[in-house]
Amino acid sequence: MPAFDFPFETLETYKGTNPCPSDFDAYWERALGELSEIVSNPQLEPCHTTLFESVDCYHLRYRGVRNATIYTKYLKPKNLSAPAPTILIFHGYSASSADWIDLIKWTAEGFCVAAMDCRGQGGLSEDTGGVKGNTLRGHIIRGLDDHPDNLLFRHIYLDTVQLARTVASFSEVDETRLFAHGGSQGGALTLACAALEPKIVKAAAIFPFLSDYQRVWEMDLAKNAYEEITHYLKRFDPRHERIVKIWETLGYIDVHHLAKKIGAEVLMFTGLMDQICPPSSQFAAYNHIPGKKNIVTYPDFGHENLPGNQEQVLKFFKS
């Protein structure tokens, strides 16, 4: 098999390169404490589409940290006779939640669905800003020159937790069957949500992003989705005088460190030729997940459609 990353035998045991800050657990305990002070105040507005006869569609808005309003598409099957299992769906980097027509496939199988727009990206969620330092080209580095509590992905991870808590309070939702799912950035948010919110009982992540930043950079793959790291280093640390501190700060928002907190059952999908989110960065997260888990590999595939993965995800959530 062609390879550009570690041999598969090494991937199976690789635990990551990017350093973990010594106060990592306290950092996230403090972050969740901030979130607990925020009243979600969910607002549901019917989406007046005439396309669907079997599902009710809503614009859901709720309050996140730093006084941001977060937007989510929320769908539920009509005429539910009992609380339903519910899937939280997270989108790829810079994009937005899927179209209504793409989300309805889950409601056809009896699931409620909540598809979140990440703040400051392609959808309708608010980015309230206020960060010091560079904001050019991406969200990984946003807040890197400020206090670590102001890293933008900290807030986005907390938005996923607030979404889980919000929909779990709805009468039609079975809070004991709350699932998370997404690909790339959405895969990372799936893992982060499962790590930070115990209500998530199953998580299906496809080639997760935002993992093992230093490893990606060392492979010379801080391009495409990760290119902001290279741009940041060239502009703000051209001689690498702060490089150790930079990797440590990025460690707060590295899902391969968060993965150790996951209590949910996890299904992951990885293309072994993925040069956007290299396999080693994904296995770094997977190998830290302490509970029940399975990883499905596609030897010849990169960061692209992985045939049959959606059927496997559906089976996973229905089992």
C-alpha atoms as a PDB file:
ATOM      1  CA  MET A   1       0.000   0.000   0.000  1.00  0.00           C
ATOM      2  CA  PRO A   2       1.353   3.518  -0.765  1.00  0.00           C
ATOM      3  CA  ALA A   3       2.112   5.558   2.321  1.00  0.00           C
ATOM      4  CA  PHE A   4       3.358   9.037   3.265  1.00  0.00           C
ATOM      5  CA  ASP A   5       2.728   8.811   7.028  1.00  0.00           C
ATOM      6  CA  PHE A   6       3.768   6.302   9.688  1.00  0.00           C
ATOM      7  CA  PRO A   7       3.396   2.582   8.931  1.00  0.00           C
ATOM      8  CA  PHE A   8       0.012   1.281  10.019  1.00  0.00           C
ATOM      9  CA  GLU A   9       1.550  -0.622  12.949  1.00  0.00           C
ATOM     10  CA  THR A  10       2.897   2.672  14.297  1.00  0.00           C
ATOM     11  CA  LEU A  11      -0.396   4.486  13.725  1.00  0.00           C
ATOM     12  CA  GLU A  12      -2.132   1.930  15.941  1.00  0.00           C
ATOM     13  CA  THR A  13      -0.065   2.999  18.956  1.00  0.00           C
ATOM     14  CA  TYR A  14       0.863   6.624  18.158  1.00  0.00           C
ATOM     15  CA  LYS A  15      -0.250   9.024  20.941  1.00  0.00           C
ATOM     16  CA  GLY A  16       0.655  12.405  19.458  1.00  0.00           C
ATOM     17  CA  THR A  17       3.424  15.018  19.331  1.00  0.00           C
ATOM     18  CA  ASN A  18       1.841  18.368  20.217  1.00  0.00           C
ATOM     19  CA  PRO A  19       2.510  19.058  23.921  1.00  0.00           C
ATOM     20  CA  CYS A  20      -0.317  19.163  26.438  1.00  0.00           C
ATOM     21  CA  PRO A  21      -0.359  22.197  28.766  1.00  0.00           C
ATOM     22  CA  SER A  22       0.192  21.288  32.414  1.00  0.00           C
ATOM     23  CA  ASP A  23      -3.062  22.999  33.413  1.00  0.00           C
ATOM     24  CA  PHE A  24      -5.129  21.454  30.604  1.00  0.00           C
ATOM     25  CA  ASP A  25      -7.755  19.888  32.883  1.00  0.00           C
ATOM     26  CA  ALA A  26      -8.097  23.068  34.954  1.00  0.00           C
ATOM     27  CA  TYR A  27      -8.420  25.079  31.747  1.00  0.00           C
ATOM     28  CA  TRP A  28     -11.428  23.089  30.575  1.00  0.00           C
ATOM     29  CA  GLU A  29     -12.952  22.952  34.046  1.00  0.00           C
ATOM     30  CA  ARG A  30     -12.784  26.755  34.093  1.00  0.00           C
ATOM     31  CA  ALA A  31     -14.251  26.946  30.572  1.00  0.00           C
ATOM     32  CA  LEU A  32     -17.194  24.727  31.498  1.00  0.00           C
ATOM     33  CA  GLY A  33     -17.678  26.821  34.614  1.00  0.00           C
ATOM     34  CA  GLU A  34     -18.012  29.916  32.435  1.00  0.00           C
ATOM     35  CA  LEU A  35     -20.513  28.111  30.231  1.00  0.00           C
ATOM     36  CA  SER A  36     -22.590  27.033  33.234  1.00  0.00           C
ATOM     37  CA  GLU A  37     -23.214  30.713  33.992  1.00  0.00           C
ATOM     38  CA  ILE A  38     -24.768  31.287  30.567  1.00  0.00           C
ATOM     39  CA  VAL A  39     -28.538  30.928  30.235  1.00  0.00           C
ATOM     40  CA  SER A  40     -29.134  29.235  26.892  1.00  0.00           C
ATOM     41  CA  ASN A  41     -32.553  30.863  26.333  1.00  0.00           C
ATOM     42  CA  PRO A  42     -33.372  28.833  23.197  1.00  0.00           C
ATOM     43  CA  GLN A  43     -35.623  30.447  20.606  1.00  0.00           C
ATOM     44  CA  LEU A  44     -37.397  28.226  18.080  1.00  0.00           C
ATOM     45  CA  GLU A  45     -38.814  29.814  14.942  1.00  0.00           C
ATOM     46  CA  PRO A  46     -40.710  27.602  12.467  1.00  0.00           C
ATOM     47  CA  CYS A  47     -39.111  27.383   9.056  1.00  0.00           C
ATOM     48  CA  HIS A  48     -41.998  27.929   6.692  1.00  0.00           C
ATOM     49  CA  THR A  49     -40.894  25.517   4.014  1.00  0.00           C
ATOM     50  CA  THR A  50     -43.542  23.566   2.143  1.00  0.00           C
ATOM     51  CA  LEU A  51     -41.068  20.981   0.896  1.00  0.00           C
ATOM     52  CA  PHE A  52     -41.505  18.413   3.635  1.00  0.00           C
ATOM     53  CA  GLU A  53     -44.692  16.748   4.823  1.00  0.00           C
ATOM     54  CA  SER A  54     -43.119  14.372   7.335  1.00  0.00           C
ATOM     55  CA  VAL A  55     -40.882  16.702   9.324  1.00  0.00           C
ATOM     56  CA  ASP A  56     -41.084  19.978  11.226  1.00  0.00           C
ATOM     57  CA  CYS A  57     -38.196  22.381  10.602  1.00  0.00           C
ATOM     58  CA  TYR A  58     -37.088  25.192  12.905  1.00  0.00           C
ATOM     59  CA  HIS A  59     -34.518  27.944  13.159  1.00  0.00           C
ATOM     60  CA  LEU A  60     -33.006  27.445  16.612  1.00  0.00           C
ATOM     61  CA  ARG A  61     -31.011  30.214  18.267  1.00  0.00           C
ATOM     62  CA  TYR A  62     -29.414  29.991  21.694  1.00  0.00           C
ATOM     63  CA  ARG A  63     -26.888  31.901  23.780  1.00  0.00           C
ATOM     64  CA  GLY A  64     -23.242  30.826  23.924  1.00  0.00           C
ATOM     65  CA  VAL A  65     -20.214  32.153  25.771  1.00  0.00           C
ATOM     66  CA  ARG A  66     -19.098  35.749  25.228  1.00  0.00           C
ATOM     67  CA  ASN A  67     -22.715  36.744  24.567  1.00  0.00           C
ATOM     68  CA  ALA A  68     -22.849  35.162  21.105  1.00  0.00           C
ATOM     69  CA  THR A  69     -26.071  33.962  19.508  1.00  0.00           C
ATOM     70  CA  ILE A  70     -25.565  30.539  17.939  1.00  0.00           C
ATOM     71  CA  TYR A  71     -27.741  29.387  15.051  1.00  0.00           C
ATOM     72  CA  THR A  72     -28.790  25.794  14.425  1.00  0.00           C
ATOM     73  CA  LYS A  73     -31.140  24.064  12.000  1.00  0.00           C
ATOM     74  CA  TYR A  74     -33.440  21.870  14.064  1.00  0.00           C
ATOM     75  CA  LEU A  75     -35.666  19.143  12.583  1.00  0.00           C
ATOM     76  CA  LYS A  76     -38.028  16.663  14.190  1.00  0.00           C
ATOM     77  CA  PRO A  77     -40.295  14.009  12.689  1.00  0.00           C
ATOM     78  CA  LYS A  78     -43.995  14.847  12.793  1.00  0.00           C
ATOM     79  CA  ASN A  79     -46.309  12.948  15.114  1.00  0.00           C
ATOM     80  CA  LEU A  80     -43.672  11.553  17.457  1.00  0.00           C
ATOM     81  CA  SER A  81     -45.243   9.130  19.907  1.00  0.00           C
ATOM     82  CA  ALA A  82     -42.279   9.075  22.298  1.00  0.00           C
ATOM     83  CA  PRO A  83     -39.055  11.028  22.911  1.00  0.00           C
ATOM     84  CA  ALA A  84     -36.694  10.478  19.988  1.00  0.00           C
ATOM     85  CA  PRO A  85     -32.952   9.878  19.668  1.00  0.00           C
ATOM     86  CA  THR A  86     -31.222  13.042  18.486  1.00  0.00           C
ATOM     87  CA  ILE A  87     -28.130  13.706  16.381  1.00  0.00           C
ATOM     88  CA  LEU A  88     -26.016  16.837  16.704  1.00  0.00           C
ATOM     89  CA  ILE A  89     -24.319  17.492  13.361  1.00  0.00           C
ATOM     90  CA  PHE A  90     -21.227  19.657  12.896  1.00  0.00           C
ATOM     91  CA  HIS A  91     -19.914  21.002   9.586  1.00  0.00           C
ATOM     92  CA  GLY A  92     -16.500  21.352   7.948  1.00  0.00           C
ATOM     93  CA  TYR A  93     -14.084  24.263   8.385  1.00  0.00           C
ATOM     94  CA  SER A  94     -15.309  27.634   7.095  1.00  0.00           C
ATOM     95  CA  ALA A  95     -18.617  26.148   5.878  1.00  0.00           C
ATOM     96  CA  SER A  96     -22.109  26.091   7.417  1.00  0.00           C
ATOM     97  CA  SER A  97     -24.783  23.600   8.365  1.00  0.00           C
ATOM     98  CA  ALA A  98     -26.099  21.369   5.598  1.00  0.00           C
ATOM     99  CA  ASP A  99     -29.224  22.186   3.612  1.00  0.00           C
ATOM    100  CA  TRP A 100     -32.548  21.076   5.041  1.00  0.00           C
ATOM    101  CA  ILE A 101     -32.906  18.463   2.296  1.00  0.00           C
ATOM    102  CA  ASP A 102     -29.612  16.842   3.321  1.00  0.00           C
ATOM    103  CA  LEU A 103     -30.630  16.653   6.982  1.00  0.00           C
ATOM    104  CA  ILE A 104     -34.046  15.118   6.434  1.00  0.00           C
ATOM    105  CA  LYS A 105     -32.503  11.676   5.769  1.00  0.00           C
ATOM    106  CA  TRP A 106     -31.969  11.289   9.520  1.00  0.00           C
ATOM    107  CA  THR A 107     -35.537  12.246  10.429  1.00  0.00           C
ATOM    108  CA  ALA A 108     -36.776   9.571   8.023  1.00  0.00           C
ATOM    109  CA  GLU A 109     -35.270   7.056  10.458  1.00  0.00           C
ATOM    110  CA  GLY A 110     -36.899   8.654  13.497  1.00  0.00           C
ATOM    111  CA  PHE A 111     -34.117  10.979  14.673  1.00  0.00           C
ATOM    112  CA  CYS A 112     -34.384  14.597  15.657  1.00  0.00           C
ATOM    113  CA  VAL A 113     -31.504  16.590  14.166  1.00  0.00           C
ATOM    114  CA  ALA A 114     -29.663  19.729  15.288  1.00  0.00           C
ATOM    115  CA  ALA A 115     -27.095  21.075  12.790  1.00  0.00           C
ATOM    116  CA  MET A 116     -25.032  23.933  14.234  1.00  0.00           C
ATOM    117  CA  ASP A 117     -23.392  26.834  12.400  1.00  0.00           C
ATOM    118  CA  CYS A 118     -19.934  27.560  13.851  1.00  0.00           C
ATOM    119  CA  ARG A 119     -19.535  31.129  15.015  1.00  0.00           C
ATOM    120  CA  GLY A 120     -17.634  33.338  12.600  1.00  0.00           C
ATOM    121  CA  GLN A 121     -17.725  30.886   9.699  1.00  0.00           C
ATOM    122  CA  GLY A 122     -20.068  30.400   6.767  1.00  0.00           C
ATOM    123  CA  GLY A 123     -23.403  30.327   8.577  1.00  0.00           C
ATOM    124  CA  LEU A 124     -25.586  32.537  10.747  1.00  0.00           C
ATOM    125  CA  SER A 125     -23.967  32.223  14.186  1.00  0.00           C
ATOM    126  CA  GLU A 126     -22.452  35.344  15.712  1.00  0.00           C
ATOM    127  CA  ASP A 127     -18.763  35.983  16.252  1.00  0.00           C
ATOM    128  CA  THR A 128     -18.630  38.644  18.965  1.00  0.00           C
ATOM    129  CA  GLY A 129     -14.894  39.219  18.462  1.00  0.00           C
ATOM    130  CA  GLY A 130     -12.853  41.194  20.965  1.00  0.00           C
ATOM    131  CA  VAL A 131      -9.672  39.141  20.691  1.00  0.00           C
ATOM    132  CA  LYS A 132      -6.221  40.733  20.774  1.00  0.00           C
ATOM    133  CA  GLY A 133      -3.634  39.914  18.134  1.00  0.00           C
ATOM    134  CA  ASN A 134      -3.685  38.412  14.669  1.00  0.00           C
ATOM    135  CA  THR A 135      -6.980  37.269  13.139  1.00  0.00           C
ATOM    136  CA  LEU A 136      -5.780  36.741   9.564  1.00  0.00           C
ATOM    137  CA  ARG A 137      -6.583  33.575   7.587  1.00  0.00           C
ATOM    138  CA  GLY A 138      -8.063  31.270  10.194  1.00  0.00           C
ATOM    139  CA  HIS A 139      -9.593  30.353  13.509  1.00  0.00           C
ATOM    140  CA  ILE A 140      -6.927  28.005  14.878  1.00  0.00           C
ATOM    141  CA  ILE A 141      -4.605  30.934  15.556  1.00  0.00           C
ATOM    142  CA  ARG A 142      -7.327  33.360  16.660  1.00  0.00           C
ATOM    143  CA  GLY A 143      -6.547  34.296  20.250  1.00  0.00           C
ATOM    144  CA  LEU A 144      -3.047  32.815  20.154  1.00  0.00           C
ATOM    145  CA  ASP A 145      -1.542  36.189  21.165  1.00  0.00           C
ATOM    146  CA  ASP A 146      -4.182  36.758  23.844  1.00  0.00           C
ATOM    147  CA  HIS A 147      -5.008  34.866  27.035  1.00  0.00           C
ATOM    148  CA  PRO A 148      -5.670  31.160  26.292  1.00  0.00           C
ATOM    149  CA  ASP A 149      -9.231  31.640  27.546  1.00  0.00           C
ATOM    150  CA  ASN A 150      -9.810  33.755  24.443  1.00  0.00           C
ATOM    151  CA  LEU A 151      -8.909  31.109  21.850  1.00  0.00           C
ATOM    152  CA  LEU A 152     -11.774  31.056  19.394  1.00  0.00           C
ATOM    153  CA  PHE A 153     -11.963  27.275  19.154  1.00  0.00           C
ATOM    154  CA  ARG A 154     -12.440  27.165  22.933  1.00  0.00           C
ATOM    155  CA  HIS A 155     -15.671  29.079  22.385  1.00  0.00           C
ATOM    156  CA  ILE A 156     -16.722  26.913  19.432  1.00  0.00           C
ATOM    157  CA  TYR A 157     -16.150  23.727  21.460  1.00  0.00           C
ATOM    158  CA  LEU A 158     -18.285  25.210  24.237  1.00  0.00           C
ATOM    159  CA  ASP A 159     -20.999  26.046  21.678  1.00  0.00           C
ATOM    160  CA  THR A 160     -21.298  22.335  20.913  1.00  0.00           C
ATOM    161  CA  VAL A 161     -21.776  21.605  24.615  1.00  0.00           C
ATOM    162  CA  GLN A 162     -24.416  24.293  24.935  1.00  0.00           C
ATOM    163  CA  LEU A 163     -26.221  22.802  21.940  1.00  0.00           C
ATOM    164  CA  ALA A 164     -26.238  19.351  23.549  1.00  0.00           C
ATOM    165  CA  ARG A 165     -27.603  20.739  26.794  1.00  0.00           C
ATOM    166  CA  THR A 166     -30.187  22.853  24.988  1.00  0.00           C
ATOM    167  CA  VAL A 167     -31.726  20.135  22.833  1.00  0.00           C
ATOM    168  CA  ALA A 168     -31.587  17.640  25.725  1.00  0.00           C
ATOM    169  CA  SER A 169     -34.098  19.902  27.492  1.00  0.00           C
ATOM    170  CA  PHE A 170     -36.679  19.609  24.683  1.00  0.00           C
ATOM    171  CA  SER A 171     -39.650  17.374  25.512  1.00  0.00           C
ATOM    172  CA  GLU A 172     -39.444  15.442  22.226  1.00  0.00           C
ATOM    173  CA  VAL A 173     -35.756  14.551  22.765  1.00  0.00           C
ATOM    174  CA  ASP A 174     -34.650  11.385  24.544  1.00  0.00           C
ATOM    175  CA  GLU A 175     -31.661  12.751  26.460  1.00  0.00           C
ATOM    176  CA  THR A 176     -30.361   9.216  27.023  1.00  0.00           C
ATOM    177  CA  ARG A 177     -29.881   8.814  23.251  1.00  0.00           C
ATOM    178  CA  LEU A 178     -27.942  11.915  22.280  1.00  0.00           C
ATOM    179  CA  PHE A 179     -25.421  11.463  19.460  1.00  0.00           C
ATOM    180  CA  ALA A 180     -22.801  13.618  17.691  1.00  0.00           C
ATOM    181  CA  HIS A 181     -21.576  13.414  14.108  1.00  0.00           C
ATOM    182  CA  GLY A 182     -19.488  15.315  11.568  1.00  0.00           C
ATOM    183  CA  GLY A 183     -16.541  15.264   9.207  1.00  0.00           C
ATOM    184  CA  SER A 184     -13.216  17.151   9.205  1.00  0.00           C
ATOM    185  CA  GLN A 185     -13.829  20.181  11.462  1.00  0.00           C
ATOM    186  CA  GLY A 186     -17.163  18.518  12.177  1.00  0.00           C
ATOM    187  CA  GLY A 187     -15.301  15.366  13.202  1.00  0.00           C
ATOM    188  CA  ALA A 188     -13.159  17.377  15.605  1.00  0.00           C
ATOM    189  CA  LEU A 189     -16.232  19.080  17.072  1.00  0.00           C
ATOM    190  CA  THR A 190     -17.871  15.671  17.430  1.00  0.00           C
ATOM    191  CA  LEU A 191     -14.951  14.489  19.564  1.00  0.00           C
ATOM    192  CA  ALA A 192     -14.760  17.753  21.514  1.00  0.00           C
ATOM    193  CA  CYS A 193     -18.486  17.682  22.267  1.00  0.00           C
ATOM    194  CA  ALA A 194     -18.283  14.065  23.433  1.00  0.00           C
ATOM    195  CA  ALA A 195     -15.281  14.926  25.616  1.00  0.00           C
ATOM    196  CA  LEU A 196     -16.878  17.936  27.284  1.00  0.00           C
ATOM    197  CA  GLU A 197     -20.526  16.814  27.553  1.00  0.00           C
ATOM    198  CA  PRO A 198     -21.274  13.455  29.208  1.00  0.00           C
ATOM    199  CA  LYS A 199     -24.790  13.451  27.738  1.00  0.00           C
ATOM    200  CA  ILE A 200     -23.287  12.352  24.389  1.00  0.00           C
ATOM    201  CA  VAL A 201     -23.501   8.559  24.336  1.00  0.00           C
ATOM    202  CA  LYS A 202     -22.347   7.888  20.749  1.00  0.00           C
ATOM    203  CA  ALA A 203     -20.031   9.881  18.497  1.00  0.00           C
ATOM    204  CA  ALA A 204     -19.264   9.251  14.817  1.00  0.00           C
ATOM    205  CA  ALA A 205     -16.285  11.281  13.573  1.00  0.00           C
ATOM    206  CA  ILE A 206     -15.028  11.296   9.986  1.00  0.00           C
ATOM    207  CA  PHE A 207     -11.352  12.260   9.451  1.00  0.00           C
ATOM    208  CA  PRO A 208     -11.239  14.704  12.394  1.00  0.00           C
ATOM    209  CA  PHE A 209      -9.415  18.024  12.011  1.00  0.00           C
ATOM    210  CA  LEU A 210      -7.836  20.105  14.854  1.00  0.00           C
ATOM    211  CA  SER A 211      -5.621  17.323  16.170  1.00  0.00           C
ATOM    212  CA  ASP A 212      -1.873  17.134  16.863  1.00  0.00           C
ATOM    213  CA  TYR A 213      -0.927  20.488  15.336  1.00  0.00           C
ATOM    214  CA  GLN A 214       2.821  20.079  15.781  1.00  0.00           C
ATOM    215  CA  ARG A 215       2.795  16.719  13.998  1.00  0.00           C
ATOM    216  CA  VAL A 216       0.944  18.233  11.030  1.00  0.00           C
ATOM    217  CA  TRP A 217       3.480  21.071  10.838  1.00  0.00           C
ATOM    218  CA  GLU A 218       6.453  18.693  11.123  1.00  0.00           C
ATOM    219  CA  MET A 219       5.071  16.707   8.174  1.00  0.00           C
ATOM    220  CA  ASP A 220       5.060  19.942   6.121  1.00  0.00           C
ATOM    221  CA  LEU A 221       1.276  19.631   5.851  1.00  0.00           C
ATOM    222  CA  ALA A 222       0.436  22.958   7.496  1.00  0.00           C
ATOM    223  CA  LYS A 223      -1.128  23.822   4.166  1.00  0.00           C
ATOM    224  CA  ASN A 224      -4.718  23.873   2.977  1.00  0.00           C
ATOM    225  CA  ALA A 225      -6.853  23.640   6.131  1.00  0.00           C
ATOM    226  CA  TYR A 226      -3.846  24.068   8.460  1.00  0.00           C
ATOM    227  CA  GLU A 227      -2.009  26.740   6.451  1.00  0.00           C
ATOM    228  CA  GLU A 228      -2.795  29.487   8.964  1.00  0.00           C
ATOM    229  CA  ILE A 229      -0.222  27.923  11.308  1.00  0.00           C
ATOM    230  CA  THR A 230       2.536  28.405   8.725  1.00  0.00           C
ATOM    231  CA  HIS A 231       1.370  31.953   7.956  1.00  0.00           C
ATOM    232  CA  TYR A 232       1.324  32.754  11.665  1.00  0.00           C
ATOM    233  CA  LEU A 233       4.846  31.423  12.279  1.00  0.00           C
ATOM    234  CA  LYS A 234       6.269  33.294   9.292  1.00  0.00           C
ATOM    235  CA  ARG A 235       4.723  36.585  10.388  1.00  0.00           C
ATOM    236  CA  PHE A 236       4.883  36.460  14.167  1.00  0.00           C
ATOM    237  CA  ASP A 237       7.661  34.016  15.089  1.00  0.00           C
ATOM    238  CA  PRO A 238       9.953  33.861  12.042  1.00  0.00           C
ATOM    239  CA  ARG A 239      12.950  32.636  14.080  1.00  0.00           C
ATOM    240  CA  HIS A 240      10.911  30.281  16.284  1.00  0.00           C
ATOM    241  CA  GLU A 241      11.826  32.100  19.463  1.00  0.00           C
ATOM    242  CA  ARG A 242       8.360  31.360  20.911  1.00  0.00           C
ATOM    243  CA  ILE A 243       7.708  28.046  19.210  1.00  0.00           C
ATOM    244  CA  VAL A 244       7.492  25.941  22.378  1.00  0.00           C
ATOM    245  CA  LYS A 245       4.945  28.306  23.907  1.00  0.00           C
ATOM    246  CA  ILE A 246       2.937  28.393  20.669  1.00  0.00           C
ATOM    247  CA  TRP A 247       2.579  24.603  20.546  1.00  0.00           C
ATOM    248  CA  GLU A 248       1.665  24.508  24.243  1.00  0.00           C
ATOM    249  CA  THR A 249      -1.048  27.142  23.779  1.00  0.00           C
ATOM    250  CA  LEU A 250      -2.477  25.326  20.770  1.00  0.00           C
ATOM    251  CA  GLY A 251      -2.537  22.248  22.993  1.00  0.00           C
ATOM    252  CA  TYR A 252      -5.556  23.659  24.833  1.00  0.00           C
ATOM    253  CA  ILE A 253      -7.666  23.279  21.679  1.00  0.00           C
ATOM    254  CA  ASP A 254      -6.097  20.037  20.439  1.00  0.00           C
ATOM    255  CA  VAL A 255      -8.692  17.264  20.285  1.00  0.00           C
ATOM    256  CA  HIS A 256      -6.070  14.573  20.769  1.00  0.00           C
ATOM    257  CA  HIS A 257      -5.752  15.873  24.343  1.00  0.00           C
ATOM    258  CA  LEU A 258      -9.511  16.210  24.804  1.00  0.00           C
ATOM    259  CA  ALA A 259     -10.061  12.637  23.589  1.00  0.00           C
ATOM    260  CA  LYS A 260      -9.007  11.190  26.942  1.00  0.00           C
ATOM    261  CA  LYS A 261     -12.173  12.715  28.435  1.00  0.00           C
ATOM    262  CA  ILE A 262     -14.588  10.969  26.042  1.00  0.00           C
ATOM    263  CA  GLY A 263     -17.064   8.648  27.726  1.00  0.00           C
ATOM    264  CA  ALA A 264     -19.174   7.987  24.642  1.00  0.00           C
ATOM    265  CA  GLU A 265     -18.838   5.046  22.288  1.00  0.00           C
ATOM    266  CA  VAL A 266     -16.900   6.267  19.244  1.00  0.00           C
ATOM    267  CA  LEU A 267     -16.884   5.285  15.579  1.00  0.00           C
ATOM    268  CA  MET A 268     -14.163   6.927  13.470  1.00  0.00           C
ATOM    269  CA  PHE A 269     -13.358   6.900   9.756  1.00  0.00           C
ATOM    270  CA  THR A 270      -9.916   7.643   8.338  1.00  0.00           C
ATOM    271  CA  GLY A 271      -8.441   7.725   4.846  1.00  0.00           C
ATOM    272  CA  LEU A 272      -4.847   6.545   5.049  1.00  0.00           C
ATOM    273  CA  MET A 273      -3.831   8.854   2.180  1.00  0.00           C
ATOM    274  CA  ASP A 274      -5.343  11.958   3.801  1.00  0.00           C
ATOM    275  CA  GLN A 275      -2.892  14.838   3.276  1.00  0.00           C
ATOM    276  CA  ILE A 276      -5.287  17.449   4.717  1.00  0.00           C
ATOM    277  CA  CYS A 277      -5.709  15.808   8.134  1.00  0.00           C
ATOM    278  CA  PRO A 278      -2.918  13.212   8.103  1.00  0.00           C
ATOM    279  CA  PRO A 279      -3.706   9.774   9.540  1.00  0.00           C
ATOM    280  CA  SER A 280      -1.209  10.108  12.399  1.00  0.00           C
ATOM    281  CA  SER A 281      -2.990  13.239  13.655  1.00  0.00           C
ATOM    282  CA  GLN A 282      -6.278  11.333  13.620  1.00  0.00           C
ATOM    283  CA  PHE A 283      -4.890   8.232  15.288  1.00  0.00           C
ATOM    284  CA  ALA A 284      -3.354  10.471  17.964  1.00  0.00           C
ATOM    285  CA  ALA A 285      -6.907  11.328  19.006  1.00  0.00           C
ATOM    286  CA  TYR A 286      -8.329   7.847  18.511  1.00  0.00           C
ATOM    287  CA  ASN A 287      -5.632   6.179  20.592  1.00  0.00           C
ATOM    288  CA  HIS A 288      -6.456   8.404  23.580  1.00  0.00           C
ATOM    289  CA  ILE A 289     -10.162   7.480  23.641  1.00  0.00           C
ATOM    290  CA  PRO A 290     -10.496   5.306  26.744  1.00  0.00           C
ATOM    291  CA  GLY A 291     -13.795   3.530  26.118  1.00  0.00           C
ATOM    292  CA  LYS A 292     -15.519   1.466  23.471  1.00  0.00           C
ATOM    293  CA  LYS A 293     -14.389   2.498  19.999  1.00  0.00           C
ATOM    294  CA  ASN A 294     -13.812   1.378  16.429  1.00  0.00           C
ATOM    295  CA  ILE A 295     -11.900   2.949  13.552  1.00  0.00           C
ATOM    296  CA  VAL A 296     -12.689   2.169   9.915  1.00  0.00           C
ATOM    297  CA  THR A 297      -9.799   2.788   7.526  1.00  0.00           C
ATOM    298  CA  TYR A 298      -9.809   3.401   3.769  1.00  0.00           C
ATOM    299  CA  PRO A 299      -6.274   2.614   2.488  1.00  0.00           C
ATOM    300  CA  ASP A 300      -6.453   4.458  -0.853  1.00  0.00           C
ATOM    301  CA  PHE A 301      -8.559   7.443   0.176  1.00  0.00           C
ATOM    302  CA  GLY A 302      -7.662  10.959   1.224  1.00  0.00           C
ATOM    303  CA  HIS A 303      -9.801  13.796   2.561  1.00  0.00           C
ATOM    304  CA  GLU A 304     -12.774  12.946   0.374  1.00  0.00           C
ATOM    305  CA  ASN A 305     -15.990  10.997   0.311  1.00  0.00           C
ATOM    306  CA  LEU A 306     -15.474   7.621   1.989  1.00  0.00           C
ATOM    307  CA  PRO A 307     -17.912   5.212   0.320  1.00  0.00           C
ATOM    308  CA  GLY A 308     -20.476   3.640   2.599  1.00  0.00           C
ATOM    309  CA  ASN A 309     -19.597   5.628   5.697  1.00  0.00           C
ATOM    310  CA  GLN A 310     -23.056   7.163   6.110  1.00  0.00           C
ATOM    311  CA  GLU A 311     -24.729   3.757   6.101  1.00  0.00           C
ATOM    312  CA  GLN A 312     -22.255   2.616   8.757  1.00  0.00           C
ATOM    313  CA  VAL A 313     -22.981   5.728  10.841  1.00  0.00           C
ATOM    314  CA  LEU A 314     -26.727   5.117  10.618  1.00  0.00           C
ATOM    315  CA  LYS A 315     -26.287   1.499  11.667  1.00  0.00           C
ATOM    316  CA  PHE A 316     -24.083   2.656  14.566  1.00  0.00           C
ATOM    317  CA  PHE A 317     -26.689   5.118  15.819  1.00  0.00           C
ATOM    318  CA  LYS A 318     -29.581   2.688  15.406  1.00  0.00           C
ATOM    319  CA  SER A 319     -27.878  -0.268  17.121  1.00  0.00           C
END
